[in-house]
Amino acid sequence: MNNQHWTNKYIGIPFREGGRDTSGCDCGGLVLLVLQREFAIQALDFTAYETADFCRHGFNKLADGIESLMREEWAVVDTPQPFDLVRFFYGRFPCHVGLWAGYGNTFLHVEKDGLFTRLTPMTDLSWGPRFMEFRRHKAMIGRNTA
């Protein structure tokens, strides 16, 4: 990996529920932070999407609303490129996100149990089996970020 890789400046940010900056962020906050800093994209905040209560209880009405917001702003893609959203299930509900790093089959993310942002391989036993999909922010469509 190149020492100048974009992920380097985001690795080590502490987990903070509802956080949206380098002093601490949750998984959705990390996505928002990176898109804002790297591309000046103000993405919709889907905070409720990744909260533990939502993930555990799966409020269907809320889930439908979140999915509607996701479709407005994020297109499903088959082949990821750097900065694409990586979504994961918890049980049968989607509830964790990260960003495709673009090398080594890894994604950048933060989770409560992990304490800090880090790169994780898609083959990781905790996340690989929970993979849901890749999505690209519509402002990124047509940009080559590789």
N, C-alpha and C. Protein backbone atom coordinates (compact mmCIF):
# COMPACT_ATOMS: atom_id res chain seq x y z
N MET A 1 0.84 -1.18 0.00
CA MET A 1 0.00 0.00 0.00
C MET A 1 0.88 1.25 0.00
N ASN A 2 0.51 2.20 -0.78
CA ASN A 2 1.19 3.49 -0.85
C ASN A 2 0.96 4.25 0.45
N ASN A 3 2.01 4.88 0.99
CA ASN A 3 1.87 5.65 2.23
C ASN A 3 0.95 6.85 2.07
N GLN A 4 0.66 7.25 0.84
CA GLN A 4 -0.21 8.38 0.58
C GLN A 4 -1.65 7.95 0.30
N HIS A 5 -1.96 6.69 0.50
CA HIS A 5 -3.31 6.20 0.20
C HIS A 5 -4.34 6.99 1.00
N TRP A 6 -5.49 7.25 0.42
CA TRP A 6 -6.52 8.09 1.05
C TRP A 6 -6.98 7.56 2.39
N THR A 7 -6.94 6.26 2.59
CA THR A 7 -7.43 5.69 3.86
C THR A 7 -6.55 6.08 5.05
N ASN A 8 -5.27 6.34 4.81
CA ASN A 8 -4.34 6.61 5.92
C ASN A 8 -4.81 7.73 6.82
N LYS A 9 -5.38 8.79 6.25
CA LYS A 9 -5.77 9.93 7.09
C LYS A 9 -7.04 9.68 7.89
N TYR A 10 -7.69 8.55 7.66
CA TYR A 10 -8.92 8.23 8.40
C TYR A 10 -8.75 7.07 9.37
N ILE A 11 -7.67 6.34 9.28
CA ILE A 11 -7.43 5.21 10.18
C ILE A 11 -7.08 5.74 11.58
N GLY A 12 -7.73 5.17 12.58
CA GLY A 12 -7.45 5.53 13.96
C GLY A 12 -8.42 6.53 14.58
N ILE A 13 -9.44 6.96 13.82
CA ILE A 13 -10.45 7.85 14.40
C ILE A 13 -11.26 7.03 15.40
N PRO A 14 -11.46 7.52 16.62
CA PRO A 14 -12.19 6.73 17.62
C PRO A 14 -13.68 6.62 17.30
N PHE A 15 -14.27 5.52 17.77
CA PHE A 15 -15.72 5.35 17.64
C PHE A 15 -16.41 6.31 18.60
N ARG A 16 -17.44 6.98 18.08
CA ARG A 16 -18.32 7.79 18.93
C ARG A 16 -19.71 7.76 18.29
N GLU A 17 -20.67 7.19 19.01
CA GLU A 17 -22.05 7.10 18.52
C GLU A 17 -22.54 8.49 18.13
N GLY A 18 -23.00 8.64 16.89
CA GLY A 18 -23.51 9.91 16.41
C GLY A 18 -22.42 10.88 15.98
N GLY A 19 -21.14 10.50 16.10
CA GLY A 19 -20.04 11.38 15.74
C GLY A 19 -19.93 11.56 14.24
N ARG A 20 -19.48 12.76 13.85
CA ARG A 20 -19.40 13.09 12.43
C ARG A 20 -18.10 13.80 12.06
N ASP A 21 -17.05 13.66 12.89
CA ASP A 21 -15.79 14.33 12.60
C ASP A 21 -14.62 13.49 13.10
N THR A 22 -13.41 14.00 12.94
CA THR A 22 -12.22 13.22 13.29
C THR A 22 -12.03 13.03 14.79
N SER A 23 -12.80 13.74 15.62
CA SER A 23 -12.70 13.50 17.07
C SER A 23 -13.45 12.22 17.46
N GLY A 24 -14.29 11.71 16.55
CA GLY A 24 -15.01 10.47 16.77
C GLY A 24 -16.19 10.37 15.84
N CYS A 25 -16.46 9.17 15.38
CA CYS A 25 -17.61 8.97 14.49
C CYS A 25 -18.09 7.53 14.57
N ASP A 26 -19.32 7.33 14.13
CA ASP A 26 -19.84 5.98 13.97
C ASP A 26 -19.69 5.60 12.50
N CYS A 27 -20.19 4.45 12.11
CA CYS A 27 -19.93 3.98 10.75
C CYS A 27 -20.53 4.91 9.70
N GLY A 28 -21.76 5.37 9.91
CA GLY A 28 -22.37 6.31 8.98
C GLY A 28 -21.65 7.64 8.97
N GLY A 29 -21.21 8.07 10.13
CA GLY A 29 -20.48 9.33 10.24
C GLY A 29 -19.16 9.29 9.49
N LEU A 30 -18.50 8.14 9.50
CA LEU A 30 -17.26 7.99 8.76
C LEU A 30 -17.50 8.18 7.26
N VAL A 31 -18.55 7.57 6.76
CA VAL A 31 -18.90 7.72 5.33
C VAL A 31 -19.13 9.19 5.01
N LEU A 32 -19.93 9.87 5.83
CA LEU A 32 -20.22 11.28 5.60
C LEU A 32 -18.95 12.13 5.65
N LEU A 33 -18.09 11.86 6.63
CA LEU A 33 -16.85 12.60 6.81
C LEU A 33 -15.95 12.47 5.58
N VAL A 34 -15.75 11.24 5.12
CA VAL A 34 -14.86 11.01 3.98
C VAL A 34 -15.41 11.66 2.72
N LEU A 35 -16.69 11.48 2.43
CA LEU A 35 -17.25 12.07 1.21
C LEU A 35 -17.17 13.60 1.24
N GLN A 36 -17.40 14.19 2.42
CA GLN A 36 -17.31 15.64 2.54
C GLN A 36 -15.88 16.12 2.33
N ARG A 37 -14.95 15.48 2.98
CA ARG A 37 -13.55 15.94 2.91
C ARG A 37 -12.90 15.67 1.55
N GLU A 38 -13.19 14.53 0.98
CA GLU A 38 -12.53 14.15 -0.27
C GLU A 38 -13.19 14.75 -1.51
N PHE A 39 -14.53 14.94 -1.46
CA PHE A 39 -15.25 15.35 -2.68
C PHE A 39 -16.24 16.49 -2.46
N ALA A 40 -16.30 17.04 -1.25
CA ALA A 40 -17.27 18.10 -0.91
C ALA A 40 -18.71 17.66 -1.16
N ILE A 41 -18.97 16.37 -0.95
CA ILE A 41 -20.33 15.83 -1.10
C ILE A 41 -21.02 15.86 0.25
N GLN A 42 -22.18 16.49 0.29
CA GLN A 42 -23.01 16.51 1.50
C GLN A 42 -24.07 15.41 1.36
N ALA A 43 -23.72 14.21 1.76
CA ALA A 43 -24.64 13.08 1.66
C ALA A 43 -25.67 13.16 2.77
N LEU A 44 -26.84 12.56 2.53
CA LEU A 44 -27.87 12.47 3.56
C LEU A 44 -27.34 11.65 4.72
N ASP A 45 -27.67 12.06 5.92
CA ASP A 45 -27.24 11.36 7.12
C ASP A 45 -28.26 10.28 7.45
N PHE A 46 -27.83 9.04 7.36
CA PHE A 46 -28.73 7.92 7.67
C PHE A 46 -28.38 7.33 9.03
N THR A 47 -28.24 8.21 10.02
CA THR A 47 -27.84 7.81 11.37
C THR A 47 -28.69 6.68 11.93
N ALA A 48 -29.99 6.78 11.80
CA ALA A 48 -30.87 5.76 12.37
C ALA A 48 -30.59 4.39 11.77
N TYR A 49 -30.03 4.39 10.59
CA TYR A 49 -29.76 3.15 9.87
C TYR A 49 -28.82 2.24 10.64
N GLU A 50 -27.80 2.81 11.27
CA GLU A 50 -26.80 1.95 11.88
C GLU A 50 -26.89 1.87 13.40
N THR A 51 -27.91 2.43 14.00
CA THR A 51 -27.98 2.35 15.45
C THR A 51 -28.25 0.92 15.91
N ALA A 52 -27.72 0.58 17.04
CA ALA A 52 -27.82 -0.79 17.54
C ALA A 52 -29.28 -1.21 17.75
N ASP A 53 -30.11 -0.32 18.28
CA ASP A 53 -31.50 -0.69 18.51
C ASP A 53 -32.22 -1.01 17.21
N PHE A 54 -31.97 -0.21 16.19
CA PHE A 54 -32.59 -0.47 14.90
C PHE A 54 -32.12 -1.82 14.37
N CYS A 55 -30.83 -2.07 14.48
CA CYS A 55 -30.29 -3.33 13.96
C CYS A 55 -30.87 -4.53 14.68
N ARG A 56 -30.99 -4.44 15.99
CA ARG A 56 -31.50 -5.57 16.76
C ARG A 56 -32.99 -5.77 16.58
N HIS A 57 -33.75 -4.68 16.53
CA HIS A 57 -35.20 -4.80 16.51
C HIS A 57 -35.79 -4.70 15.12
N GLY A 58 -35.05 -4.13 14.17
CA GLY A 58 -35.49 -4.10 12.78
C GLY A 58 -36.84 -3.45 12.58
N PHE A 59 -36.98 -2.21 12.92
CA PHE A 59 -38.25 -1.51 12.73
C PHE A 59 -38.53 -1.38 11.24
N ASN A 60 -39.49 -2.16 10.74
CA ASN A 60 -39.73 -2.26 9.31
C ASN A 60 -40.09 -0.94 8.66
N LYS A 61 -40.90 -0.12 9.31
CA LYS A 61 -41.29 1.15 8.72
C LYS A 61 -40.06 2.05 8.57
N LEU A 62 -39.23 2.09 9.60
CA LEU A 62 -38.01 2.87 9.53
C LEU A 62 -37.09 2.31 8.46
N ALA A 63 -37.00 1.02 8.38
CA ALA A 63 -36.16 0.38 7.37
C ALA A 63 -36.61 0.76 5.97
N ASP A 64 -37.90 0.76 5.73
CA ASP A 64 -38.42 1.14 4.42
C ASP A 64 -38.06 2.58 4.08
N GLY A 65 -38.16 3.47 5.06
CA GLY A 65 -37.81 4.87 4.85
C GLY A 65 -36.34 5.04 4.54
N ILE A 66 -35.50 4.32 5.27
CA ILE A 66 -34.06 4.39 5.03
C ILE A 66 -33.73 3.86 3.65
N GLU A 67 -34.33 2.76 3.26
CA GLU A 67 -34.08 2.20 1.93
C GLU A 67 -34.50 3.18 0.84
N SER A 68 -35.58 3.88 1.05
CA SER A 68 -36.03 4.88 0.09
C SER A 68 -34.99 6.00 -0.05
N LEU A 69 -34.46 6.48 1.09
CA LEU A 69 -33.42 7.50 1.06
C LEU A 69 -32.16 6.98 0.36
N MET A 70 -31.80 5.75 0.64
CA MET A 70 -30.61 5.16 0.02
C MET A 70 -30.76 5.13 -1.50
N ARG A 71 -31.94 4.73 -1.99
CA ARG A 71 -32.16 4.65 -3.44
C ARG A 71 -32.07 6.02 -4.10
N GLU A 72 -32.48 7.07 -3.39
CA GLU A 72 -32.41 8.42 -3.94
C GLU A 72 -30.98 8.87 -4.16
N GLU A 73 -30.09 8.48 -3.28
CA GLU A 73 -28.73 9.01 -3.30
C GLU A 73 -27.64 8.02 -3.69
N TRP A 74 -27.89 6.74 -3.55
CA TRP A 74 -26.86 5.73 -3.74
C TRP A 74 -27.32 4.69 -4.75
N ALA A 75 -26.54 4.47 -5.81
CA ALA A 75 -26.86 3.46 -6.82
C ALA A 75 -26.11 2.17 -6.51
N VAL A 76 -26.80 1.04 -6.64
CA VAL A 76 -26.16 -0.26 -6.46
C VAL A 76 -25.18 -0.48 -7.61
N VAL A 77 -23.98 -0.97 -7.29
CA VAL A 77 -22.98 -1.27 -8.31
C VAL A 77 -22.45 -2.69 -8.08
N ASP A 78 -22.05 -3.32 -9.17
CA ASP A 78 -21.52 -4.68 -9.08
C ASP A 78 -20.02 -4.71 -8.80
N THR A 79 -19.30 -3.79 -9.41
CA THR A 79 -17.86 -3.75 -9.27
C THR A 79 -17.48 -2.49 -8.50
N PRO A 80 -16.95 -2.65 -7.29
CA PRO A 80 -16.66 -1.46 -6.48
C PRO A 80 -15.43 -0.70 -6.96
N GLN A 81 -15.43 0.57 -6.67
CA GLN A 81 -14.26 1.41 -6.85
C GLN A 81 -14.04 2.13 -5.52
N PRO A 82 -12.86 2.70 -5.30
CA PRO A 82 -12.61 3.39 -4.04
C PRO A 82 -13.71 4.40 -3.72
N PHE A 83 -14.06 4.48 -2.46
CA PHE A 83 -15.07 5.37 -1.89
C PHE A 83 -16.51 4.87 -2.07
N ASP A 84 -16.70 3.70 -2.66
CA ASP A 84 -18.05 3.13 -2.72
C ASP A 84 -18.47 2.65 -1.34
N LEU A 85 -19.74 2.76 -1.08
CA LEU A 85 -20.33 2.30 0.18
C LEU A 85 -20.38 0.78 0.17
N VAL A 86 -20.01 0.18 1.28
CA VAL A 86 -20.14 -1.27 1.46
C VAL A 86 -21.17 -1.45 2.57
N ARG A 87 -22.22 -2.22 2.29
CA ARG A 87 -23.29 -2.42 3.28
C ARG A 87 -23.28 -3.86 3.76
N PHE A 88 -23.64 -4.01 5.03
CA PHE A 88 -23.66 -5.32 5.67
C PHE A 88 -24.96 -5.53 6.43
N PHE A 89 -25.32 -6.79 6.57
CA PHE A 89 -26.49 -7.19 7.36
C PHE A 89 -26.11 -7.41 8.81
N TYR A 90 -27.09 -7.27 9.68
CA TYR A 90 -27.02 -7.77 11.05
C TYR A 90 -28.30 -8.58 11.18
N GLY A 91 -28.20 -9.90 11.27
CA GLY A 91 -29.39 -10.73 11.19
C GLY A 91 -29.95 -10.60 9.78
N ARG A 92 -31.22 -10.22 9.67
CA ARG A 92 -31.79 -10.05 8.33
C ARG A 92 -31.94 -8.59 7.95
N PHE A 93 -31.44 -7.68 8.79
CA PHE A 93 -31.56 -6.25 8.53
C PHE A 93 -30.20 -5.64 8.20
N PRO A 94 -30.16 -4.76 7.19
CA PRO A 94 -28.92 -4.05 6.91
C PRO A 94 -28.63 -3.04 8.02
N CYS A 95 -27.39 -3.01 8.49
CA CYS A 95 -27.14 -2.07 9.59
C CYS A 95 -25.69 -1.62 9.77
N HIS A 96 -24.80 -1.95 8.87
CA HIS A 96 -23.42 -1.48 9.02
C HIS A 96 -22.91 -1.04 7.66
N VAL A 97 -22.12 0.03 7.64
CA VAL A 97 -21.56 0.53 6.40
C VAL A 97 -20.09 0.83 6.57
N GLY A 98 -19.40 0.83 5.45
CA GLY A 98 -18.01 1.24 5.38
C GLY A 98 -17.76 1.76 3.98
N LEU A 99 -16.51 2.01 3.66
CA LEU A 99 -16.14 2.48 2.33
C LEU A 99 -15.09 1.56 1.73
N TRP A 100 -15.30 1.20 0.48
CA TRP A 100 -14.37 0.33 -0.22
C TRP A 100 -13.03 1.05 -0.33
N ALA A 101 -11.97 0.39 0.09
CA ALA A 101 -10.64 1.01 0.11
C ALA A 101 -10.01 1.05 -1.29
N GLY A 102 -10.31 0.06 -2.10
CA GLY A 102 -9.76 0.06 -3.45
C GLY A 102 -8.50 -0.77 -3.61
N TYR A 103 -8.08 -1.46 -2.58
CA TYR A 103 -6.92 -2.35 -2.70
C TYR A 103 -7.04 -3.44 -1.64
N GLY A 104 -6.43 -4.57 -1.94
CA GLY A 104 -6.36 -5.65 -0.97
C GLY A 104 -7.69 -6.19 -0.50
N ASN A 105 -8.76 -5.99 -1.28
CA ASN A 105 -10.08 -6.50 -0.90
C ASN A 105 -10.48 -6.04 0.51
N THR A 106 -10.23 -4.77 0.83
CA THR A 106 -10.49 -4.23 2.16
C THR A 106 -11.48 -3.07 2.12
N PHE A 107 -12.08 -2.82 3.27
CA PHE A 107 -12.96 -1.67 3.43
C PHE A 107 -12.59 -0.93 4.71
N LEU A 108 -12.84 0.38 4.70
CA LEU A 108 -12.59 1.24 5.84
C LEU A 108 -13.88 1.37 6.62
N HIS A 109 -13.82 1.17 7.94
CA HIS A 109 -15.03 1.26 8.75
C HIS A 109 -14.67 1.44 10.21
N VAL A 110 -15.70 1.67 10.99
CA VAL A 110 -15.56 1.75 12.44
C VAL A 110 -16.78 1.08 13.05
N GLU A 111 -16.58 0.37 14.12
CA GLU A 111 -17.68 -0.26 14.83
C GLU A 111 -17.43 -0.12 16.32
N LYS A 112 -18.50 -0.19 17.06
CA LYS A 112 -18.43 0.03 18.51
C LYS A 112 -17.39 -0.88 19.16
N ASP A 113 -17.38 -2.14 18.80
CA ASP A 113 -16.45 -3.08 19.42
C ASP A 113 -15.02 -2.89 18.94
N GLY A 114 -14.84 -2.22 17.80
CA GLY A 114 -13.51 -2.03 17.25
C GLY A 114 -12.79 -0.82 17.80
N LEU A 115 -13.52 0.12 18.36
CA LEU A 115 -13.00 1.32 18.99
C LEU A 115 -12.42 2.37 18.06
N PHE A 116 -11.74 1.99 16.98
CA PHE A 116 -11.11 2.94 16.07
C PHE A 116 -11.38 2.54 14.62
N THR A 117 -11.34 3.53 13.72
CA THR A 117 -11.48 3.22 12.31
C THR A 117 -10.30 2.38 11.86
N ARG A 118 -10.57 1.46 10.93
CA ARG A 118 -9.51 0.57 10.47
C ARG A 118 -9.91 -0.05 9.13
N LEU A 119 -8.95 -0.67 8.50
CA LEU A 119 -9.19 -1.44 7.29
C LEU A 119 -9.45 -2.89 7.69
N THR A 120 -10.44 -3.49 7.07
CA THR A 120 -10.78 -4.88 7.36
C THR A 120 -10.95 -5.61 6.04
N PRO A 121 -10.39 -6.81 5.91
CA PRO A 121 -10.58 -7.59 4.68
C PRO A 121 -12.03 -8.05 4.54
N MET A 122 -12.50 -8.10 3.32
CA MET A 122 -13.85 -8.60 3.07
C MET A 122 -13.98 -10.07 3.43
N THR A 123 -12.87 -10.75 3.59
CA THR A 123 -12.89 -12.16 3.97
C THR A 123 -12.97 -12.33 5.49
N ASP A 124 -12.97 -11.22 6.24
CA ASP A 124 -13.07 -11.27 7.69
C ASP A 124 -14.31 -12.07 8.09
N LEU A 125 -14.15 -12.98 9.04
CA LEU A 125 -15.27 -13.84 9.42
C LEU A 125 -16.43 -13.07 10.05
N SER A 126 -16.16 -11.90 10.64
CA SER A 126 -17.23 -11.10 11.23
C SER A 126 -18.06 -10.39 10.18
N TRP A 127 -17.42 -9.97 9.07
CA TRP A 127 -18.13 -9.14 8.11
C TRP A 127 -18.35 -9.79 6.76
N GLY A 128 -17.44 -10.59 6.28
CA GLY A 128 -17.59 -11.21 4.96
C GLY A 128 -18.92 -11.91 4.75
N PRO A 129 -19.35 -12.77 5.67
CA PRO A 129 -20.63 -13.46 5.49
C PRO A 129 -21.84 -12.53 5.58
N ARG A 130 -21.66 -11.33 6.11
CA ARG A 130 -22.76 -10.39 6.26
C ARG A 130 -22.85 -9.38 5.12
N PHE A 131 -21.96 -9.49 4.13
CA PHE A 131 -21.95 -8.55 3.03
C PHE A 131 -23.32 -8.50 2.35
N MET A 132 -23.77 -7.29 2.07
CA MET A 132 -25.05 -7.08 1.41
C MET A 132 -24.88 -6.57 -0.02
N GLU A 133 -24.16 -5.42 -0.16
CA GLU A 133 -24.03 -4.82 -1.49
C GLU A 133 -23.02 -3.67 -1.46
N PHE A 134 -22.63 -3.28 -2.68
CA PHE A 134 -21.85 -2.06 -2.89
C PHE A 134 -22.80 -1.02 -3.46
N ARG A 135 -22.62 0.24 -3.03
CA ARG A 135 -23.38 1.34 -3.60
C ARG A 135 -22.43 2.50 -3.87
N ARG A 136 -22.77 3.27 -4.91
CA ARG A 136 -21.98 4.44 -5.27
C ARG A 136 -22.87 5.67 -5.12
N HIS A 137 -22.33 6.69 -4.47
CA HIS A 137 -23.08 7.93 -4.34
C HIS A 137 -23.28 8.50 -5.74
N LYS A 138 -24.48 9.00 -6.01
CA LYS A 138 -24.79 9.44 -7.38
C LYS A 138 -23.88 10.57 -7.85
N ALA A 139 -23.34 11.37 -6.93
CA ALA A 139 -22.39 12.42 -7.31
C ALA A 139 -21.05 11.83 -7.77
N MET A 140 -20.83 10.55 -7.47
CA MET A 140 -19.57 9.90 -7.83
C MET A 140 -19.68 9.12 -9.14
N ILE A 141 -20.87 8.93 -9.64
CA ILE A 141 -21.04 8.17 -10.88
C ILE A 141 -20.36 8.91 -12.01
N GLY A 142 -19.54 8.17 -12.73
CA GLY A 142 -18.79 8.75 -13.83
C GLY A 142 -17.39 9.21 -13.43
N ARG A 143 -17.11 9.32 -12.15
CA ARG A 143 -15.77 9.67 -11.68
C ARG A 143 -14.94 8.41 -11.57
N ASN A 144 -13.71 8.51 -11.98
CA ASN A 144 -12.80 7.37 -11.80
C ASN A 144 -11.96 7.66 -10.57
N THR A 145 -12.18 6.91 -9.50
CA THR A 145 -11.46 7.14 -8.25
C THR A 145 -10.36 6.08 -8.02
N ALA A 146 -10.22 5.17 -8.98
CA ALA A 146 -9.22 4.09 -8.81
C ALA A 146 -7.82 4.61 -8.93
